[in-house]
Amino acid sequence: MSGTVLLALLPIAAVNLYLLWWLIVRQDAQITASVLAGWLILALGSKVMRPEQALVPVWLPFLYPYVWLGLAAVLWMLMAGRGSGGRVAARFAPAPHDGLQSLMVAALLLHASLAMALLMASPLARLYVFSPSLLCLLLLACTFIVRLYQLRRGPRPLGVLFVLVVCAGLPVLVVGAARWLQAAG
């Protein structure tokens, strides 16, 4: 039983450590501020929802890092658009070695694909809340796809076809993984 729990927590720890590592290496003030603001928003929201539990605002953002990163990515996108004169697409062209911006772009793509999936099928809403490990694996996979795309295309903005394929493909992966987990368990 404990091995299964540790295996389920591994993707969550991987996302948290990956984010922490890139924040230390990169030292980008905008992304660091957006990550801290995203954590604060999620912590305050969880405190409002569960005021009787004192430590929920501390540990909940670390258990659901994709929600935390989604909030941070939206805040980063707003700050990046403001800094580049409203041209947000200019910031979606990070250098191939920039893993922190690719993580933010991957979080935006993951949440856009989940929004598309929730419009099509409401049972996926339960998966968003009850399966943080699966969504952390999807976030890592999406980050890997964005990094491969950056290495191949260089510092050009993300293509519309790429964004549409990722946003349509991730819900298919979620449904496939959910069916596989349901059949296995």
N, C-alpha and C. Protein backbone atom coordinates (compact mmCIF):
# COMPACT_ATOMS: atom_id res chain seq x y z
N MET A 1 0.82 -1.20 0.00
CA MET A 1 0.00 0.00 0.00
C MET A 1 0.86 1.26 0.00
N SER A 2 1.90 1.29 0.83
CA SER A 2 2.72 2.50 0.91
C SER A 2 3.50 2.72 -0.37
N GLY A 3 3.89 1.63 -1.05
CA GLY A 3 4.58 1.77 -2.33
C GLY A 3 3.68 2.39 -3.39
N THR A 4 2.41 2.04 -3.37
CA THR A 4 1.45 2.60 -4.31
C THR A 4 1.24 4.08 -4.05
N VAL A 5 1.16 4.46 -2.79
CA VAL A 5 0.99 5.87 -2.44
C VAL A 5 2.22 6.67 -2.86
N LEU A 6 3.41 6.12 -2.60
CA LEU A 6 4.63 6.82 -3.01
C LEU A 6 4.72 6.94 -4.52
N LEU A 7 4.31 5.91 -5.24
CA LEU A 7 4.31 5.96 -6.69
C LEU A 7 3.31 6.99 -7.21
N ALA A 8 2.17 7.13 -6.53
CA ALA A 8 1.18 8.13 -6.93
C ALA A 8 1.65 9.54 -6.62
N LEU A 9 2.45 9.70 -5.57
CA LEU A 9 2.95 11.04 -5.22
C LEU A 9 4.18 11.45 -6.02
N LEU A 10 4.79 10.52 -6.72
CA LEU A 10 6.01 10.80 -7.48
C LEU A 10 5.81 11.88 -8.55
N PRO A 11 4.76 11.84 -9.39
CA PRO A 11 4.60 12.92 -10.37
C PRO A 11 4.36 14.28 -9.72
N ILE A 12 3.66 14.30 -8.59
CA ILE A 12 3.41 15.57 -7.90
C ILE A 12 4.72 16.15 -7.39
N ALA A 13 5.55 15.31 -6.79
CA ALA A 13 6.86 15.77 -6.32
C ALA A 13 7.74 16.18 -7.49
N ALA A 14 7.64 15.48 -8.61
CA ALA A 14 8.45 15.82 -9.78
C ALA A 14 8.10 17.21 -10.31
N VAL A 15 6.82 17.53 -10.37
CA VAL A 15 6.41 18.86 -10.85
C VAL A 15 6.89 19.94 -9.88
N ASN A 16 6.71 19.72 -8.58
CA ASN A 16 7.16 20.71 -7.60
C ASN A 16 8.67 20.91 -7.66
N LEU A 17 9.43 19.83 -7.75
CA LEU A 17 10.89 19.95 -7.81
C LEU A 17 11.35 20.56 -9.12
N TYR A 18 10.69 20.22 -10.22
CA TYR A 18 11.04 20.80 -11.52
C TYR A 18 10.82 22.30 -11.50
N LEU A 19 9.69 22.74 -10.95
CA LEU A 19 9.41 24.16 -10.84
C LEU A 19 10.43 24.85 -9.94
N LEU A 20 10.72 24.27 -8.80
CA LEU A 20 11.68 24.87 -7.87
C LEU A 20 13.07 24.96 -8.51
N TRP A 21 13.47 23.91 -9.21
CA TRP A 21 14.78 23.91 -9.84
C TRP A 21 14.88 25.02 -10.89
N TRP A 22 13.86 25.17 -11.73
CA TRP A 22 13.93 26.21 -12.75
C TRP A 22 13.81 27.61 -12.15
N LEU A 23 13.07 27.76 -11.06
CA LEU A 23 13.01 29.07 -10.41
C LEU A 23 14.38 29.47 -9.86
N ILE A 24 15.12 28.51 -9.32
CA ILE A 24 16.45 28.80 -8.78
C ILE A 24 17.43 29.08 -9.90
N VAL A 25 17.39 28.27 -10.95
CA VAL A 25 18.35 28.42 -12.05
C VAL A 25 18.10 29.70 -12.83
N ARG A 26 16.86 29.98 -13.15
CA ARG A 26 16.52 31.07 -14.05
C ARG A 26 16.50 32.44 -13.38
N GLN A 27 15.96 32.53 -12.19
CA GLN A 27 15.85 33.78 -11.43
C GLN A 27 15.15 34.88 -12.23
N ASP A 28 14.04 34.54 -12.85
CA ASP A 28 13.22 35.49 -13.59
C ASP A 28 12.23 36.12 -12.62
N ALA A 29 12.30 37.43 -12.46
CA ALA A 29 11.48 38.12 -11.46
C ALA A 29 9.99 38.03 -11.79
N GLN A 30 9.62 38.15 -13.07
CA GLN A 30 8.21 38.09 -13.44
C GLN A 30 7.60 36.73 -13.14
N ILE A 31 8.30 35.68 -13.53
CA ILE A 31 7.75 34.34 -13.31
C ILE A 31 7.75 34.01 -11.83
N THR A 32 8.79 34.40 -11.10
CA THR A 32 8.82 34.15 -9.66
C THR A 32 7.67 34.87 -8.96
N ALA A 33 7.42 36.12 -9.35
CA ALA A 33 6.30 36.86 -8.76
C ALA A 33 4.96 36.22 -9.11
N SER A 34 4.82 35.75 -10.34
CA SER A 34 3.55 35.11 -10.72
C SER A 34 3.37 33.77 -10.01
N VAL A 35 4.45 33.02 -9.79
CA VAL A 35 4.34 31.74 -9.06
C VAL A 35 3.96 32.00 -7.61
N LEU A 36 4.58 32.99 -6.98
CA LEU A 36 4.22 33.31 -5.60
C LEU A 36 2.79 33.83 -5.49
N ALA A 37 2.37 34.65 -6.46
CA ALA A 37 1.00 35.15 -6.44
C ALA A 37 0.00 34.02 -6.69
N GLY A 38 0.34 33.09 -7.57
CA GLY A 38 -0.53 31.93 -7.81
C GLY A 38 -0.68 31.08 -6.57
N TRP A 39 0.44 30.87 -5.85
CA TRP A 39 0.38 30.11 -4.60
C TRP A 39 -0.49 30.84 -3.58
N LEU A 40 -0.33 32.16 -3.48
CA LEU A 40 -1.10 32.94 -2.52
C LEU A 40 -2.59 32.90 -2.84
N ILE A 41 -2.95 33.01 -4.12
CA ILE A 41 -4.36 32.94 -4.51
C ILE A 41 -4.95 31.58 -4.16
N LEU A 42 -4.22 30.51 -4.47
CA LEU A 42 -4.71 29.17 -4.15
C LEU A 42 -4.78 28.95 -2.65
N ALA A 43 -3.80 29.45 -1.91
CA ALA A 43 -3.81 29.30 -0.45
C ALA A 43 -4.97 30.06 0.18
N LEU A 44 -5.21 31.29 -0.28
CA LEU A 44 -6.33 32.06 0.27
C LEU A 44 -7.67 31.43 -0.11
N GLY A 45 -7.77 30.92 -1.33
CA GLY A 45 -9.01 30.25 -1.74
C GLY A 45 -9.27 29.00 -0.93
N SER A 46 -8.23 28.23 -0.64
CA SER A 46 -8.42 27.02 0.16
C SER A 46 -8.70 27.37 1.62
N LYS A 47 -8.17 28.48 2.11
CA LYS A 47 -8.46 28.90 3.49
C LYS A 47 -9.92 29.34 3.61
N VAL A 48 -10.44 30.00 2.58
CA VAL A 48 -11.84 30.41 2.60
C VAL A 48 -12.75 29.19 2.54
N MET A 49 -12.36 28.18 1.74
CA MET A 49 -13.20 26.98 1.61
C MET A 49 -13.14 26.10 2.84
N ARG A 50 -12.01 26.03 3.51
CA ARG A 50 -11.84 25.17 4.69
C ARG A 50 -11.22 25.98 5.83
N PRO A 51 -11.97 26.90 6.45
CA PRO A 51 -11.39 27.72 7.51
C PRO A 51 -11.07 26.95 8.79
N GLU A 52 -11.71 25.79 8.99
CA GLU A 52 -11.48 25.04 10.22
C GLU A 52 -10.15 24.30 10.22
N GLN A 53 -9.56 24.09 9.06
CA GLN A 53 -8.28 23.37 8.97
C GLN A 53 -7.17 24.38 8.74
N ALA A 54 -6.30 24.51 9.72
CA ALA A 54 -5.31 25.58 9.70
C ALA A 54 -4.22 25.40 8.65
N LEU A 55 -3.78 24.17 8.39
CA LEU A 55 -2.64 23.96 7.50
C LEU A 55 -3.01 23.68 6.05
N VAL A 56 -4.29 23.68 5.73
CA VAL A 56 -4.70 23.42 4.34
C VAL A 56 -4.09 24.43 3.37
N PRO A 57 -4.04 25.72 3.67
CA PRO A 57 -3.43 26.65 2.72
C PRO A 57 -1.94 26.40 2.49
N VAL A 58 -1.29 25.73 3.40
CA VAL A 58 0.14 25.47 3.24
C VAL A 58 0.39 24.27 2.33
N TRP A 59 -0.30 23.15 2.57
CA TRP A 59 0.02 21.93 1.82
C TRP A 59 -0.81 21.74 0.57
N LEU A 60 -1.99 22.36 0.46
CA LEU A 60 -2.85 22.12 -0.70
C LEU A 60 -2.22 22.57 -2.02
N PRO A 61 -1.57 23.74 -2.09
CA PRO A 61 -0.93 24.09 -3.37
C PRO A 61 0.15 23.10 -3.80
N PHE A 62 0.80 22.46 -2.87
CA PHE A 62 1.83 21.49 -3.23
C PHE A 62 1.22 20.16 -3.68
N LEU A 63 -0.01 19.87 -3.25
CA LEU A 63 -0.69 18.65 -3.68
C LEU A 63 -1.33 18.82 -5.06
N TYR A 64 -1.72 20.04 -5.39
CA TYR A 64 -2.31 20.35 -6.69
C TYR A 64 -1.43 21.37 -7.42
N PRO A 65 -0.22 21.01 -7.81
CA PRO A 65 0.66 22.00 -8.43
C PRO A 65 0.20 22.46 -9.80
N TYR A 66 -0.62 21.67 -10.49
CA TYR A 66 -1.10 22.10 -11.80
C TYR A 66 -2.08 23.25 -11.67
N VAL A 67 -2.85 23.31 -10.58
CA VAL A 67 -3.74 24.45 -10.34
C VAL A 67 -2.90 25.68 -10.02
N TRP A 68 -1.92 25.49 -9.17
CA TRP A 68 -1.00 26.56 -8.78
C TRP A 68 -0.29 27.10 -10.02
N LEU A 69 0.24 26.21 -10.86
CA LEU A 69 0.94 26.65 -12.06
C LEU A 69 -0.01 27.26 -13.09
N GLY A 70 -1.25 26.79 -13.13
CA GLY A 70 -2.22 27.40 -14.03
C GLY A 70 -2.50 28.85 -13.66
N LEU A 71 -2.69 29.10 -12.38
CA LEU A 71 -2.87 30.49 -11.92
C LEU A 71 -1.63 31.32 -12.20
N ALA A 72 -0.46 30.74 -11.92
CA ALA A 72 0.80 31.46 -12.16
C ALA A 72 1.00 31.74 -13.64
N ALA A 73 0.62 30.79 -14.50
CA ALA A 73 0.80 30.98 -15.94
C ALA A 73 -0.12 32.08 -16.47
N VAL A 74 -1.34 32.15 -15.97
CA VAL A 74 -2.24 33.22 -16.40
C VAL A 74 -1.70 34.57 -15.94
N LEU A 75 -1.23 34.65 -14.70
CA LEU A 75 -0.65 35.90 -14.21
C LEU A 75 0.61 36.27 -15.00
N TRP A 76 1.44 35.27 -15.32
CA TRP A 76 2.64 35.51 -16.11
C TRP A 76 2.28 36.02 -17.51
N MET A 77 1.24 35.42 -18.11
CA MET A 77 0.83 35.84 -19.44
C MET A 77 0.35 37.30 -19.42
N LEU A 78 -0.39 37.67 -18.37
CA LEU A 78 -0.85 39.05 -18.26
C LEU A 78 0.32 40.01 -18.06
N MET A 79 1.30 39.62 -17.24
CA MET A 79 2.47 40.48 -17.03
C MET A 79 3.32 40.54 -18.29
N ALA A 80 3.47 39.43 -19.00
CA ALA A 80 4.29 39.41 -20.21
C ALA A 80 3.65 40.26 -21.30
N GLY A 81 2.32 40.21 -21.41
CA GLY A 81 1.64 41.02 -22.40
C GLY A 81 1.73 42.49 -22.09
N ARG A 82 1.73 42.81 -20.82
CA ARG A 82 1.85 44.21 -20.43
C ARG A 82 3.26 44.74 -20.69
N GLY A 83 4.27 43.88 -20.48
CA GLY A 83 5.65 44.30 -20.68
C GLY A 83 6.05 44.41 -22.14
N SER A 84 5.34 43.73 -23.05
CA SER A 84 5.71 43.76 -24.46
C SER A 84 4.73 44.57 -25.29
N GLY A 85 4.04 45.50 -24.66
CA GLY A 85 3.13 46.36 -25.39
C GLY A 85 1.87 45.65 -25.86
N GLY A 86 1.45 44.63 -25.15
CA GLY A 86 0.24 43.91 -25.51
C GLY A 86 0.46 42.75 -26.44
N ARG A 87 1.71 42.51 -26.85
CA ARG A 87 2.00 41.40 -27.76
C ARG A 87 2.37 40.18 -26.94
N VAL A 88 1.38 39.45 -26.51
CA VAL A 88 1.61 38.28 -25.68
C VAL A 88 2.31 37.19 -26.48
N ALA A 89 2.03 37.11 -27.78
CA ALA A 89 2.64 36.06 -28.61
C ALA A 89 4.15 36.19 -28.65
N ALA A 90 4.67 37.39 -28.45
CA ALA A 90 6.12 37.57 -28.45
C ALA A 90 6.77 36.84 -27.28
N ARG A 91 6.06 36.70 -26.18
CA ARG A 91 6.62 36.00 -25.03
C ARG A 91 6.45 34.49 -25.13
N PHE A 92 5.62 34.03 -26.05
CA PHE A 92 5.47 32.59 -26.25
C PHE A 92 6.51 32.06 -27.21
N ALA A 93 7.62 32.76 -27.32
CA ALA A 93 8.72 32.32 -28.16
C ALA A 93 10.00 32.28 -27.33
N PRO A 94 10.01 31.50 -26.25
CA PRO A 94 11.21 31.46 -25.41
C PRO A 94 12.34 30.73 -26.10
N ALA A 95 13.54 30.95 -25.61
CA ALA A 95 14.70 30.27 -26.16
C ALA A 95 14.58 28.77 -25.93
N PRO A 96 15.22 27.95 -26.77
CA PRO A 96 15.10 26.51 -26.62
C PRO A 96 15.59 25.98 -25.27
N HIS A 97 16.48 26.70 -24.60
CA HIS A 97 17.00 26.22 -23.32
C HIS A 97 16.21 26.74 -22.12
N ASP A 98 15.13 27.46 -22.36
CA ASP A 98 14.38 28.08 -21.28
C ASP A 98 13.26 27.16 -20.81
N GLY A 99 13.53 26.38 -19.79
CA GLY A 99 12.56 25.42 -19.29
C GLY A 99 11.47 26.05 -18.45
N LEU A 100 11.74 27.20 -17.84
CA LEU A 100 10.74 27.83 -16.98
C LEU A 100 9.59 28.39 -17.81
N GLN A 101 9.92 29.09 -18.90
CA GLN A 101 8.85 29.61 -19.75
C GLN A 101 8.11 28.48 -20.47
N SER A 102 8.82 27.41 -20.80
CA SER A 102 8.12 26.29 -21.43
C SER A 102 7.17 25.63 -20.43
N LEU A 103 7.52 25.62 -19.15
CA LEU A 103 6.62 25.10 -18.12
C LEU A 103 5.37 25.97 -18.01
N MET A 104 5.53 27.29 -18.09
CA MET A 104 4.38 28.19 -18.03
C MET A 104 3.49 28.00 -19.26
N VAL A 105 4.10 27.90 -20.44
CA VAL A 105 3.32 27.68 -21.66
C VAL A 105 2.61 26.33 -21.59
N ALA A 106 3.30 25.31 -21.07
CA ALA A 106 2.68 23.98 -20.93
C ALA A 106 1.50 24.03 -19.96
N ALA A 107 1.62 24.80 -18.89
CA ALA A 107 0.50 24.93 -17.94
C ALA A 107 -0.69 25.61 -18.61
N LEU A 108 -0.42 26.63 -19.43
CA LEU A 108 -1.51 27.28 -20.15
C LEU A 108 -2.17 26.31 -21.13
N LEU A 109 -1.35 25.55 -21.87
CA LEU A 109 -1.90 24.59 -22.82
C LEU A 109 -2.70 23.49 -22.11
N LEU A 110 -2.18 23.03 -20.97
CA LEU A 110 -2.89 21.99 -20.22
C LEU A 110 -4.26 22.49 -19.77
N HIS A 111 -4.31 23.71 -19.25
CA HIS A 111 -5.59 24.23 -18.76
C HIS A 111 -6.53 24.57 -19.91
N ALA A 112 -5.99 25.00 -21.05
CA ALA A 112 -6.85 25.23 -22.22
C ALA A 112 -7.43 23.91 -22.71
N SER A 113 -6.62 22.87 -22.71
CA SER A 113 -7.14 21.57 -23.16
C SER A 113 -8.14 21.00 -22.15
N LEU A 114 -7.91 21.22 -20.86
CA LEU A 114 -8.89 20.77 -19.87
C LEU A 114 -10.20 21.54 -19.98
N ALA A 115 -10.10 22.83 -20.30
CA ALA A 115 -11.32 23.61 -20.50
C ALA A 115 -12.10 23.08 -21.70
N MET A 116 -11.38 22.73 -22.77
CA MET A 116 -12.05 22.13 -23.94
C MET A 116 -12.68 20.80 -23.56
N ALA A 117 -11.98 20.00 -22.78
CA ALA A 117 -12.51 18.69 -22.39
C ALA A 117 -13.72 18.83 -21.48
N LEU A 118 -13.69 19.81 -20.59
CA LEU A 118 -14.82 20.01 -19.68
C LEU A 118 -16.06 20.49 -20.43
N LEU A 119 -15.85 21.21 -21.54
CA LEU A 119 -16.99 21.62 -22.35
C LEU A 119 -17.63 20.42 -23.05
N MET A 120 -16.81 19.41 -23.35
CA MET A 120 -17.33 18.24 -24.06
C MET A 120 -17.86 17.16 -23.13
N ALA A 121 -17.19 16.94 -22.01
CA ALA A 121 -17.56 15.83 -21.13
C ALA A 121 -17.40 16.24 -19.68
N SER A 122 -18.49 16.26 -18.94
CA SER A 122 -18.42 16.67 -17.54
C SER A 122 -17.75 15.67 -16.61
N PRO A 123 -17.68 14.35 -16.90
CA PRO A 123 -16.98 13.45 -15.98
C PRO A 123 -15.49 13.78 -15.83
N LEU A 124 -14.94 14.55 -16.77
CA LEU A 124 -13.53 14.93 -16.63
C LEU A 124 -13.31 15.92 -15.50
N ALA A 125 -14.37 16.58 -15.04
CA ALA A 125 -14.23 17.50 -13.92
C ALA A 125 -13.79 16.76 -12.66
N ARG A 126 -14.30 15.54 -12.48
CA ARG A 126 -13.88 14.74 -11.33
C ARG A 126 -12.41 14.36 -11.42
N LEU A 127 -11.96 14.10 -12.63
CA LEU A 127 -10.57 13.73 -12.82
C LEU A 127 -9.64 14.89 -12.46
N TYR A 128 -10.09 16.11 -12.72
CA TYR A 128 -9.29 17.29 -12.42
C TYR A 128 -9.07 17.44 -10.92
N VAL A 129 -10.05 17.08 -10.13
CA VAL A 129 -9.96 17.24 -8.68
C VAL A 129 -9.37 16.01 -8.01
N PHE A 130 -9.77 14.83 -8.45
CA PHE A 130 -9.42 13.61 -7.73
C PHE A 130 -8.18 12.90 -8.25
N SER A 131 -7.56 13.37 -9.30
CA SER A 131 -6.39 12.69 -9.83
C SER A 131 -5.24 13.65 -10.08
N PRO A 132 -4.66 14.22 -9.02
CA PRO A 132 -3.55 15.15 -9.24
C PRO A 132 -2.32 14.48 -9.84
N SER A 133 -2.11 13.20 -9.57
CA SER A 133 -0.94 12.52 -10.13
C SER A 133 -1.03 12.41 -11.64
N LEU A 134 -2.21 12.07 -12.14
CA LEU A 134 -2.39 11.94 -13.58
C LEU A 134 -2.21 13.28 -14.27
N LEU A 135 -2.77 14.33 -13.70
CA LEU A 135 -2.63 15.64 -14.32
C LEU A 135 -1.21 16.18 -14.19
N CYS A 136 -0.50 15.82 -13.15
CA CYS A 136 0.91 16.21 -13.06
C CYS A 136 1.73 15.48 -14.13
N LEU A 137 1.40 14.22 -14.39
CA LEU A 137 2.05 13.50 -15.49
C LEU A 137 1.75 14.17 -16.83
N LEU A 138 0.50 14.59 -17.03
CA LEU A 138 0.15 15.30 -18.26
C LEU A 138 0.88 16.64 -18.37
N LEU A 139 1.05 17.33 -17.25
CA LEU A 139 1.78 18.59 -17.26
C LEU A 139 3.24 18.36 -17.64
N LEU A 140 3.85 17.32 -17.09
CA LEU A 140 5.23 17.00 -17.45
C LEU A 140 5.33 16.60 -18.92
N ALA A 141 4.35 15.83 -19.41
CA ALA A 141 4.34 15.44 -20.82
C ALA A 141 4.16 16.65 -21.72
N CYS A 142 3.29 17.56 -21.34
CA CYS A 142 3.07 18.77 -22.13
C CYS A 142 4.32 19.66 -22.12
N THR A 143 5.00 19.73 -20.98
CA THR A 143 6.26 20.48 -20.91
C THR A 143 7.30 19.86 -21.83
N PHE A 144 7.38 18.54 -21.85
CA PHE A 144 8.31 17.85 -22.73
C PHE A 144 7.98 18.13 -24.20
N ILE A 145 6.70 18.13 -24.55
CA ILE A 145 6.29 18.41 -25.93
C ILE A 145 6.65 19.84 -26.32
N VAL A 146 6.39 20.80 -25.43
CA VAL A 146 6.73 22.20 -25.72
C VAL A 146 8.24 22.36 -25.85
N ARG A 147 9.02 21.70 -25.00
CA ARG A 147 10.48 21.79 -25.10
C ARG A 147 10.98 21.21 -26.42
N LEU A 148 10.43 20.07 -26.84
CA LEU A 148 10.81 19.50 -28.14
C LEU A 148 10.45 20.44 -29.28
N TYR A 149 9.28 21.05 -29.18
CA TYR A 149 8.86 22.01 -30.20
C TYR A 149 9.80 23.20 -30.24
N GLN A 150 10.21 23.69 -29.07
CA GLN A 150 11.13 24.83 -29.02
C GLN A 150 12.49 24.47 -29.60
N LEU A 151 12.98 23.28 -29.29
CA LEU A 151 14.27 22.87 -29.82
C LEU A 151 14.24 22.73 -31.33
N ARG A 152 13.11 22.32 -31.86
CA ARG A 152 12.99 22.12 -33.29
C ARG A 152 12.77 23.43 -34.03
N ARG A 153 11.92 24.30 -33.49
CA ARG A 153 11.54 25.52 -34.20
C ARG A 153 12.38 26.74 -33.84
N GLY A 154 13.10 26.68 -32.73
CA GLY A 154 13.89 27.83 -32.32
C GLY A 154 13.04 28.87 -31.62
N PRO A 155 13.48 30.13 -31.65
CA PRO A 155 12.79 31.18 -30.88
C PRO A 155 11.58 31.79 -31.59
N ARG A 156 10.87 31.03 -32.39
CA ARG A 156 9.66 31.54 -33.03
C ARG A 156 8.45 31.25 -32.15
N PRO A 157 7.39 32.04 -32.30
CA PRO A 157 6.19 31.78 -31.49
C PRO A 157 5.58 30.42 -31.81
N LEU A 158 4.79 29.94 -30.88
CA LEU A 158 4.10 28.67 -31.08
C LEU A 158 3.11 28.79 -32.23
N GLY A 159 3.07 27.77 -33.06
CA GLY A 159 2.14 27.76 -34.18
C GLY A 159 0.72 27.46 -33.72
N VAL A 160 -0.23 27.96 -34.47
CA VAL A 160 -1.64 27.75 -34.14
C VAL A 160 -1.98 26.27 -34.25
N LEU A 161 -1.46 25.60 -35.27
CA LEU A 161 -1.74 24.17 -35.43
C LEU A 161 -1.19 23.37 -34.25
N PHE A 162 0.01 23.73 -33.78
CA PHE A 162 0.59 23.04 -32.62
C PHE A 162 -0.29 23.21 -31.39
N VAL A 163 -0.75 24.43 -31.15
CA VAL A 163 -1.60 24.70 -29.98
C VAL A 163 -2.91 23.92 -30.09
N LEU A 164 -3.50 23.89 -31.27
CA LEU A 164 -4.76 23.15 -31.44
C LEU A 164 -4.57 21.65 -31.28
N VAL A 165 -3.47 21.11 -31.81
CA VAL A 165 -3.21 19.67 -31.67
C VAL A 165 -2.99 19.30 -30.21
N VAL A 166 -2.22 20.11 -29.48
CA VAL A 166 -1.98 19.82 -28.07
C VAL A 166 -3.28 19.95 -27.27
N CYS A 167 -4.04 21.02 -27.53
CA CYS A 167 -5.29 21.22 -26.78
C CYS A 167 -6.32 20.14 -27.08
N ALA A 168 -6.31 19.60 -28.29
CA ALA A 168 -7.25 18.52 -28.62
C ALA A 168 -6.70 17.16 -28.20
N GLY A 169 -5.38 17.01 -28.19
CA GLY A 169 -4.79 15.71 -27.88
C GLY A 169 -4.72 15.39 -26.41
N LEU A 170 -4.54 16.39 -25.56
CA LEU A 170 -4.44 16.12 -24.12
C LEU A 170 -5.74 15.57 -23.53
N PRO A 171 -6.93 16.08 -23.91
CA PRO A 171 -8.14 15.43 -23.38
C PRO A 171 -8.27 13.97 -23.82
N VAL A 172 -7.82 13.66 -25.02
CA VAL A 172 -7.85 12.27 -25.47
C VAL A 172 -6.92 11.42 -24.59
N LEU A 173 -5.75 11.97 -24.25
CA LEU A 173 -4.85 11.27 -23.34
C LEU A 173 -5.47 11.10 -21.96
N VAL A 174 -6.16 12.14 -21.48
CA VAL A 174 -6.79 12.05 -20.16
C VAL A 174 -7.86 10.96 -20.15
N VAL A 175 -8.70 10.95 -21.18
CA VAL A 175 -9.76 9.93 -21.24
C VAL A 175 -9.15 8.54 -21.37
N GLY A 176 -8.13 8.41 -22.21
CA GLY A 176 -7.48 7.11 -22.37
C GLY A 176 -6.82 6.63 -21.09
N ALA A 177 -6.13 7.54 -20.40
CA ALA A 177 -5.48 7.17 -19.14
C ALA A 177 -6.52 6.84 -18.07
N ALA A 178 -7.63 7.58 -18.04
CA ALA A 178 -8.67 7.29 -17.05
C ALA A 178 -9.30 5.93 -17.30
N ARG A 179 -9.54 5.60 -18.56
CA ARG A 179 -10.10 4.28 -18.87
C ARG A 179 -9.10 3.18 -18.53
N TRP A 180 -7.82 3.43 -18.80
CA TRP A 180 -6.80 2.43 -18.49
C TRP A 180 -6.70 2.22 -16.98
N LEU A 181 -6.72 3.33 -16.21
CA LEU A 181 -6.67 3.21 -14.75
C LEU A 181 -7.92 2.53 -14.20
N GLN A 182 -9.07 2.81 -14.81
CA GLN A 182 -10.30 2.19 -14.35
C GLN A 182 -10.30 0.69 -14.64
N ALA A 183 -9.77 0.31 -15.78
CA ALA A 183 -9.70 -1.11 -16.12
C ALA A 183 -8.67 -1.84 -15.25
N ALA A 184 -7.59 -1.15 -14.90
CA ALA A 184 -6.55 -1.77 -14.08
C ALA A 184 -6.97 -1.87 -12.61
N GLY A 185 -7.73 -0.90 -12.14
CA GLY A 185 -8.08 -0.89 -10.72
C GLY A 185 -9.46 -1.34 -10.52
